[in-house]
Amino acid sequence: MRNKCIQWIFSICLLVHLSGCIGEEKYANDPEGNFRQLWKIIDEQYCFLDYKSIDWEAVGAEAQRKIVPQMDERQLFEILSEMLNQLKDGHVNLIAPFEQSGYNVTSNSPRNFDETLIGNNRYLGNDFHHYSGMKYKILNDNIGYIYYESFQHTLDERSLSSILSYLSICNGLIFDVRQNGGGNATNSARIASRFIEKRTLTGYIQHKTGRGHNDFSTPYAIYLEPSGDVRWKKRVVVLTNRHSYSATNDFVNHMKGLPNVTILGDTTGGGAGMPFTSELPNGWTIRFSASPHFDEQMNCTEWGIAPDQKVDMSSKDIDKGIDTIIEAARKLLHQ
Protein backbone atom coordinates (compact mmCIF):
# COMPACT_ATOMS: atom_id res chain seq x y z
CA MET A 1 0.00 0.00 0.00
CA ARG A 2 2.88 2.33 0.85
CA ASN A 3 4.42 1.68 -2.58
CA LYS A 4 1.07 2.42 -4.22
CA CYS A 5 0.82 5.77 -2.42
CA ILE A 6 4.39 6.63 -3.40
CA GLN A 7 3.53 5.89 -7.03
CA TRP A 8 0.52 8.21 -6.86
CA ILE A 9 2.56 11.01 -5.29
CA PHE A 10 5.26 10.53 -7.92
CA SER A 11 2.66 10.57 -10.69
CA ILE A 12 1.12 13.82 -9.45
CA CYS A 13 4.50 15.52 -9.02
CA LEU A 14 5.60 14.40 -12.47
CA LEU A 15 2.35 15.65 -13.98
CA VAL A 16 2.87 19.10 -12.45
CA HIS A 17 6.49 19.17 -13.62
CA LEU A 18 5.73 18.10 -17.18
CA SER A 19 2.74 20.41 -17.49
CA GLY A 20 4.99 23.24 -16.42
CA CYS A 21 7.47 22.24 -19.11
CA ILE A 22 4.77 22.44 -21.78
CA GLY A 23 4.05 26.03 -20.76
CA GLU A 24 1.17 28.30 -21.68
CA GLU A 25 1.22 31.38 -23.88
CA LYS A 26 -0.66 34.24 -22.20
CA TYR A 27 -3.55 35.99 -23.96
CA ALA A 28 -5.50 39.19 -23.33
CA ASN A 29 -8.30 39.27 -20.79
CA ASP A 30 -11.12 39.73 -23.28
CA PRO A 31 -13.59 37.26 -24.87
CA GLU A 32 -11.23 36.41 -27.74
CA GLY A 33 -8.21 36.07 -25.46
CA ASN A 34 -10.00 33.81 -22.99
CA PHE A 35 -11.32 31.65 -25.81
CA ARG A 36 -7.87 31.32 -27.39
CA GLN A 37 -6.23 30.50 -24.06
CA LEU A 38 -8.80 27.79 -23.28
CA TRP A 39 -8.65 26.26 -26.74
CA LYS A 40 -4.85 26.12 -26.59
CA ILE A 41 -4.75 24.56 -23.12
CA ILE A 42 -7.01 21.72 -24.25
CA ASP A 43 -5.21 21.35 -27.58
CA GLU A 44 -1.82 20.92 -25.92
CA GLN A 45 -2.60 19.28 -22.58
CA TYR A 46 -5.88 17.33 -22.75
CA CYS A 47 -4.99 13.65 -23.09
CA PHE A 48 -7.88 12.08 -25.03
CA LEU A 49 -8.27 14.18 -28.21
CA ASP A 50 -6.93 11.54 -30.58
CA TYR A 51 -8.32 8.62 -28.56
CA LYS A 52 -11.81 10.11 -28.94
CA SER A 53 -11.21 11.14 -32.58
CA ILE A 54 -12.09 14.76 -31.80
CA ASP A 55 -11.35 17.36 -34.49
CA TRP A 56 -10.41 20.09 -32.03
CA GLU A 57 -9.60 22.53 -34.81
CA ALA A 58 -13.16 22.24 -36.13
CA VAL A 59 -14.66 22.46 -32.65
CA GLY A 60 -12.65 25.60 -31.96
CA ALA A 61 -13.55 27.20 -35.28
CA GLU A 62 -17.26 26.66 -34.59
CA ALA A 63 -16.98 28.23 -31.14
CA GLN A 64 -14.83 31.14 -32.30
CA ARG A 65 -17.50 32.26 -34.75
CA LYS A 66 -19.74 33.00 -31.76
CA ILE A 67 -17.18 35.12 -29.90
CA VAL A 68 -17.77 38.89 -30.12
CA PRO A 69 -16.01 41.71 -28.21
CA GLN A 70 -19.14 43.09 -26.54
CA MET A 71 -20.45 39.79 -25.10
CA ASP A 72 -20.91 39.54 -21.31
CA GLU A 73 -19.25 36.93 -19.09
CA ARG A 74 -22.27 34.63 -18.93
CA GLN A 75 -22.54 34.54 -22.72
CA LEU A 76 -18.83 33.75 -22.92
CA PHE A 77 -19.22 31.05 -20.27
CA GLU A 78 -22.01 29.35 -22.24
CA ILE A 79 -20.00 29.27 -25.47
CA LEU A 80 -16.84 27.97 -23.80
CA SER A 81 -18.82 25.35 -21.86
CA GLU A 82 -20.51 24.19 -25.05
CA MET A 83 -17.08 23.81 -26.67
CA LEU A 84 -15.76 21.78 -23.72
CA ASN A 85 -18.80 19.49 -23.74
CA GLN A 86 -17.64 18.18 -27.12
CA LEU A 87 -14.95 16.33 -25.15
CA LYS A 88 -17.65 14.21 -23.46
CA ASP A 89 -15.60 14.01 -20.29
CA GLY A 90 -16.95 14.26 -16.74
CA HIS A 91 -13.52 15.40 -15.56
CA VAL A 92 -13.70 18.56 -17.68
CA ASN A 93 -15.11 21.60 -15.88
CA LEU A 94 -15.00 25.32 -16.47
CA ILE A 95 -15.27 27.01 -13.08
CA ALA A 96 -16.38 30.63 -12.82
CA PRO A 97 -17.47 32.54 -9.67
CA PHE A 98 -21.11 32.19 -10.73
CA GLU A 99 -21.25 28.68 -12.23
CA GLN A 100 -19.42 25.44 -12.99
CA SER A 101 -19.85 23.57 -16.26
CA GLY A 102 -19.94 19.81 -16.49
CA TYR A 103 -20.74 16.96 -18.86
CA ASN A 104 -23.14 14.20 -17.80
CA VAL A 105 -21.55 10.98 -19.06
CA THR A 106 -24.57 8.90 -18.01
CA SER A 107 -27.46 10.96 -19.40
CA ASN A 108 -28.63 8.27 -21.86
CA SER A 109 -27.98 5.24 -19.65
CA PRO A 110 -30.31 3.15 -17.47
CA ARG A 111 -29.88 4.07 -13.82
CA ASN A 112 -29.78 0.48 -12.55
CA PHE A 113 -30.03 1.67 -8.96
CA ASP A 114 -32.74 2.71 -6.50
CA GLU A 115 -31.83 4.07 -3.06
CA THR A 116 -35.21 3.11 -1.63
CA LEU A 117 -34.67 -0.56 -2.53
CA ILE A 118 -31.34 -1.01 -0.74
CA GLY A 119 -32.89 0.72 2.26
CA ASN A 120 -35.72 -1.78 2.68
CA ASN A 121 -35.64 -4.71 5.09
CA ARG A 122 -34.59 -7.15 2.39
CA TYR A 123 -31.19 -5.45 2.27
CA LEU A 124 -29.88 -2.75 4.66
CA GLY A 125 -33.13 -2.02 6.47
CA ASN A 126 -32.86 -0.03 9.70
CA ASP A 127 -30.24 -2.11 11.52
CA PHE A 128 -27.17 -1.74 9.31
CA HIS A 129 -23.71 -0.55 10.34
CA HIS A 130 -22.35 2.70 8.93
CA TYR A 131 -18.86 4.16 8.95
CA SER A 132 -17.25 6.83 6.74
CA GLY A 133 -19.60 6.38 3.80
CA MET A 134 -19.62 2.57 4.00
CA LYS A 135 -22.92 0.91 4.95
CA TYR A 136 -22.72 -2.81 5.65
CA LYS A 137 -24.78 -5.71 6.92
CA ILE A 138 -24.96 -9.51 6.99
CA LEU A 139 -27.96 -10.48 4.86
CA ASN A 140 -30.30 -13.28 5.95
CA ASP A 141 -28.62 -15.81 3.63
CA ASN A 142 -25.22 -15.17 5.26
CA ILE A 143 -23.94 -12.99 2.42
CA GLY A 144 -22.10 -9.82 3.43
CA TYR A 145 -23.31 -6.62 1.79
CA ILE A 146 -21.39 -3.33 1.59
CA TYR A 147 -22.68 -0.20 -0.07
CA TYR A 148 -19.97 2.44 -0.53
CA GLU A 149 -21.45 5.74 -1.65
CA SER A 150 -18.28 7.75 -2.33
CA PHE A 151 -14.52 7.29 -2.43
CA GLN A 152 -14.34 10.82 -1.07
CA HIS A 153 -14.87 9.29 2.37
CA THR A 154 -11.55 8.18 3.83
CA LEU A 155 -11.46 4.81 5.56
CA ASP A 156 -8.49 4.26 7.85
CA GLU A 157 -6.85 0.84 7.89
CA ARG A 158 -8.11 -0.04 11.37
CA SER A 159 -11.75 0.65 10.49
CA LEU A 160 -11.49 -1.27 7.23
CA SER A 161 -10.07 -4.25 9.12
CA SER A 162 -12.92 -4.01 11.62
CA ILE A 163 -15.55 -4.05 8.86
CA LEU A 164 -14.01 -7.06 7.08
CA SER A 165 -13.57 -8.92 10.38
CA TYR A 166 -17.25 -8.39 11.19
CA LEU A 167 -18.25 -9.81 7.79
CA SER A 168 -15.73 -12.69 7.91
CA ILE A 169 -18.39 -15.24 8.96
CA CYS A 170 -20.18 -14.69 5.64
CA ASN A 171 -20.00 -17.13 2.73
CA GLY A 172 -19.37 -14.34 0.24
CA LEU A 173 -19.37 -10.58 -0.14
CA ILE A 174 -21.30 -8.11 -2.30
CA PHE A 175 -19.43 -4.81 -2.71
CA ASP A 176 -21.85 -2.29 -4.21
CA VAL A 177 -20.32 0.81 -5.86
CA ARG A 178 -23.30 1.75 -8.01
CA GLN A 179 -23.97 5.47 -8.07
CA ASN A 180 -20.50 6.10 -6.61
CA GLY A 181 -19.15 9.09 -8.54
CA GLY A 182 -15.57 8.70 -7.32
CA GLY A 183 -13.36 10.69 -4.99
CA ASN A 184 -9.85 9.88 -3.84
CA ALA A 185 -8.07 7.23 -5.92
CA THR A 186 -5.84 6.41 -2.95
CA ASN A 187 -8.96 5.14 -1.16
CA SER A 188 -9.78 2.86 -4.09
CA ALA A 189 -6.30 1.33 -3.90
CA ARG A 190 -6.46 1.01 -0.11
CA ILE A 191 -9.70 -0.98 -0.29
CA ALA A 192 -8.68 -3.10 -3.30
CA SER A 193 -5.47 -4.11 -1.49
CA ARG A 194 -7.67 -6.10 0.93
CA PHE A 195 -8.65 -8.52 -1.86
CA ILE A 196 -5.25 -9.60 -3.21
CA GLU A 197 -2.64 -12.02 -1.91
CA LYS A 198 0.41 -10.90 -3.87
CA ARG A 199 1.85 -7.85 -5.60
CA THR A 200 -0.42 -7.33 -8.62
CA LEU A 201 -0.05 -5.28 -11.78
CA THR A 202 -3.35 -3.43 -12.23
CA GLY A 203 -2.59 -0.84 -14.89
CA TYR A 204 -0.43 1.91 -16.34
CA ILE A 205 -0.38 5.71 -16.46
CA GLN A 206 1.17 8.14 -18.95
CA HIS A 207 1.89 11.87 -18.87
CA LYS A 208 1.99 14.53 -21.55
CA THR A 209 5.57 15.40 -22.52
CA GLY A 210 4.91 17.95 -25.27
CA ARG A 211 2.31 19.96 -27.16
CA GLY A 212 1.37 17.25 -29.68
CA HIS A 213 -1.77 15.23 -29.12
CA ASN A 214 0.28 12.04 -28.85
CA ASP A 215 3.29 13.39 -26.96
CA PHE A 216 3.21 11.00 -24.01
CA SER A 217 5.77 9.46 -21.70
CA THR A 218 6.43 5.75 -21.72
CA PRO A 219 3.77 3.98 -19.60
CA TYR A 220 4.47 3.74 -15.88
CA ALA A 221 3.31 0.46 -14.32
CA ILE A 222 0.91 0.64 -11.36
CA TYR A 223 1.20 -2.21 -8.87
CA LEU A 224 -1.10 -2.96 -5.97
CA GLU A 225 0.47 -4.39 -2.82
CA PRO A 226 -1.54 -6.72 -0.54
CA SER A 227 -2.54 -5.14 2.74
CA GLY A 228 -0.72 -6.30 5.84
CA ASP A 229 -3.99 -6.19 7.78
CA VAL A 230 -7.21 -8.23 7.41
CA ARG A 231 -7.70 -9.47 3.84
CA TRP A 232 -10.80 -11.00 2.24
CA LYS A 233 -10.08 -14.37 0.60
CA LYS A 234 -13.61 -15.54 -0.20
CA ARG A 235 -15.68 -14.76 -3.28
CA VAL A 236 -16.65 -11.17 -4.03
CA VAL A 237 -19.18 -9.67 -6.43
CA VAL A 238 -18.68 -5.98 -7.25
CA LEU A 239 -21.87 -4.21 -8.40
CA THR A 240 -21.51 -1.40 -10.95
CA ASN A 241 -23.61 0.94 -13.05
CA ARG A 242 -22.92 3.82 -15.43
CA HIS A 243 -22.69 6.20 -12.47
CA SER A 244 -19.63 4.30 -11.15
CA TYR A 245 -17.13 6.95 -12.21
CA SER A 246 -13.57 8.23 -11.78
CA ALA A 247 -12.00 6.72 -8.61
CA THR A 248 -14.77 4.10 -8.70
CA ASN A 249 -13.71 3.20 -12.22
CA ASP A 250 -10.17 2.92 -10.82
CA PHE A 251 -11.39 0.59 -8.04
CA VAL A 252 -13.18 -1.66 -10.54
CA ASN A 253 -10.04 -1.71 -12.66
CA HIS A 254 -8.05 -2.93 -9.63
CA MET A 255 -10.65 -5.60 -8.85
CA LYS A 256 -11.48 -6.98 -12.29
CA GLY A 257 -9.59 -10.09 -13.23
CA LEU A 258 -8.83 -11.12 -9.65
CA PRO A 259 -9.54 -14.86 -9.28
CA ASN A 260 -12.19 -14.48 -6.56
CA VAL A 261 -13.94 -11.39 -8.00
CA THR A 262 -16.87 -11.00 -10.41
CA ILE A 263 -17.98 -7.61 -11.75
CA LEU A 264 -21.77 -7.57 -12.18
CA GLY A 265 -24.26 -4.96 -13.37
CA ASP A 266 -23.59 -2.37 -16.07
CA THR A 267 -20.48 -0.88 -17.66
CA THR A 268 -18.88 1.74 -15.41
CA GLY A 269 -18.99 5.41 -16.37
CA GLY A 270 -15.26 5.62 -17.05
CA GLY A 271 -13.24 8.69 -16.19
CA ALA A 272 -9.72 7.37 -16.74
CA GLY A 273 -7.81 10.66 -16.94
CA MET A 274 -6.03 12.16 -13.95
CA PRO A 275 -7.44 15.70 -13.65
CA PHE A 276 -5.25 18.81 -13.79
CA THR A 277 -6.16 22.49 -13.56
CA SER A 278 -5.11 25.70 -15.27
CA GLU A 279 -6.36 29.30 -15.33
CA LEU A 280 -7.72 31.66 -17.97
CA PRO A 281 -6.81 35.38 -18.15
CA ASN A 282 -10.09 36.33 -16.45
CA GLY A 283 -9.36 34.07 -13.46
CA TRP A 284 -11.70 31.23 -14.39
CA THR A 285 -10.37 27.74 -13.70
CA ILE A 286 -10.31 24.96 -16.29
CA ARG A 287 -10.12 21.37 -15.02
CA PHE A 288 -9.35 18.64 -17.54
CA SER A 289 -8.00 15.11 -17.99
CA ALA A 290 -4.24 15.31 -18.42
CA SER A 291 -2.84 11.82 -17.79
CA PRO A 292 -4.51 8.71 -19.23
CA HIS A 293 -4.88 5.52 -17.21
CA PHE A 294 -4.92 2.04 -18.74
CA ASP A 295 -5.69 -1.44 -17.47
CA GLU A 296 -3.05 -4.13 -17.10
CA GLN A 297 -3.30 -4.92 -20.83
CA MET A 298 -2.91 -1.24 -21.82
CA ASN A 299 -6.59 -0.83 -22.70
CA CYS A 300 -7.86 2.68 -21.99
CA THR A 301 -10.86 2.67 -19.63
CA GLU A 302 -12.03 6.25 -20.32
CA TRP A 303 -15.34 4.96 -21.74
CA GLY A 304 -15.84 2.53 -18.84
CA ILE A 305 -15.19 -1.09 -17.83
CA ALA A 306 -17.62 -3.77 -18.96
CA PRO A 307 -18.93 -6.16 -16.29
CA ASP A 308 -18.22 -9.88 -16.31
CA GLN A 309 -21.98 -10.38 -16.15
CA LYS A 310 -24.37 -7.77 -17.56
CA VAL A 311 -27.53 -7.39 -15.45
CA ASP A 312 -30.13 -4.62 -15.65
CA MET A 313 -32.77 -3.72 -13.09
CA SER A 314 -36.21 -5.16 -13.82
CA SER A 315 -39.22 -2.86 -13.47
CA LYS A 316 -41.26 -5.83 -12.23
CA ASP A 317 -38.69 -6.50 -9.51
CA ILE A 318 -38.61 -2.83 -8.53
CA ASP A 319 -42.39 -2.88 -8.08
CA LYS A 320 -41.94 -5.83 -5.69
CA GLY A 321 -39.20 -4.08 -3.70
CA ILE A 322 -36.48 -6.30 -5.19
CA ASP A 323 -33.09 -5.14 -6.48
CA THR A 324 -32.47 -7.35 -9.53
CA ILE A 325 -28.72 -6.78 -9.49
CA ILE A 326 -28.24 -7.59 -5.80
CA GLU A 327 -30.33 -10.74 -6.20
CA ALA A 328 -28.22 -11.84 -9.19
CA ALA A 329 -25.11 -11.38 -7.04
CA ARG A 330 -26.59 -13.42 -4.18
CA LYS A 331 -27.50 -16.21 -6.56
CA LEU A 332 -23.99 -16.21 -8.01
CA LEU A 333 -22.37 -16.40 -4.58
CA HIS A 334 -24.53 -19.40 -3.63
CA GLN A 335 -23.55 -21.41 -6.71
Foldseek 3Di string as FASTA:
>chain_A
DVVLVVVVVVVVVVQVVLVVVQDFDAFDPFLVRLLVRVLQCCLFFFACCVVVVHPSVVLSVVLVVVTDRPDDPVSSVVSSLVSVCVVLAQQKWWFDPVDIHGHDLCPPDDQLDDPVLCCPPQHQDDPWDDDQQWTWDQGPVQEIEIERQELQRADDPVRLLVVCVVSVRGLEYEYEHRLYQYHDLVSLLSNLLLADDAKAFWWWKWFANYRHNPRIDDTDIRIRGRDPGHHDHAAYEYEYDQSCEDSSLVSVSSQPPDPRYFYEEAFYVANFFDWDWDAHPVGIIIIHRRMGMATSVRHGQRRGDGTPYYDGADPVCVVVSHSRGVVVVVVVSVD
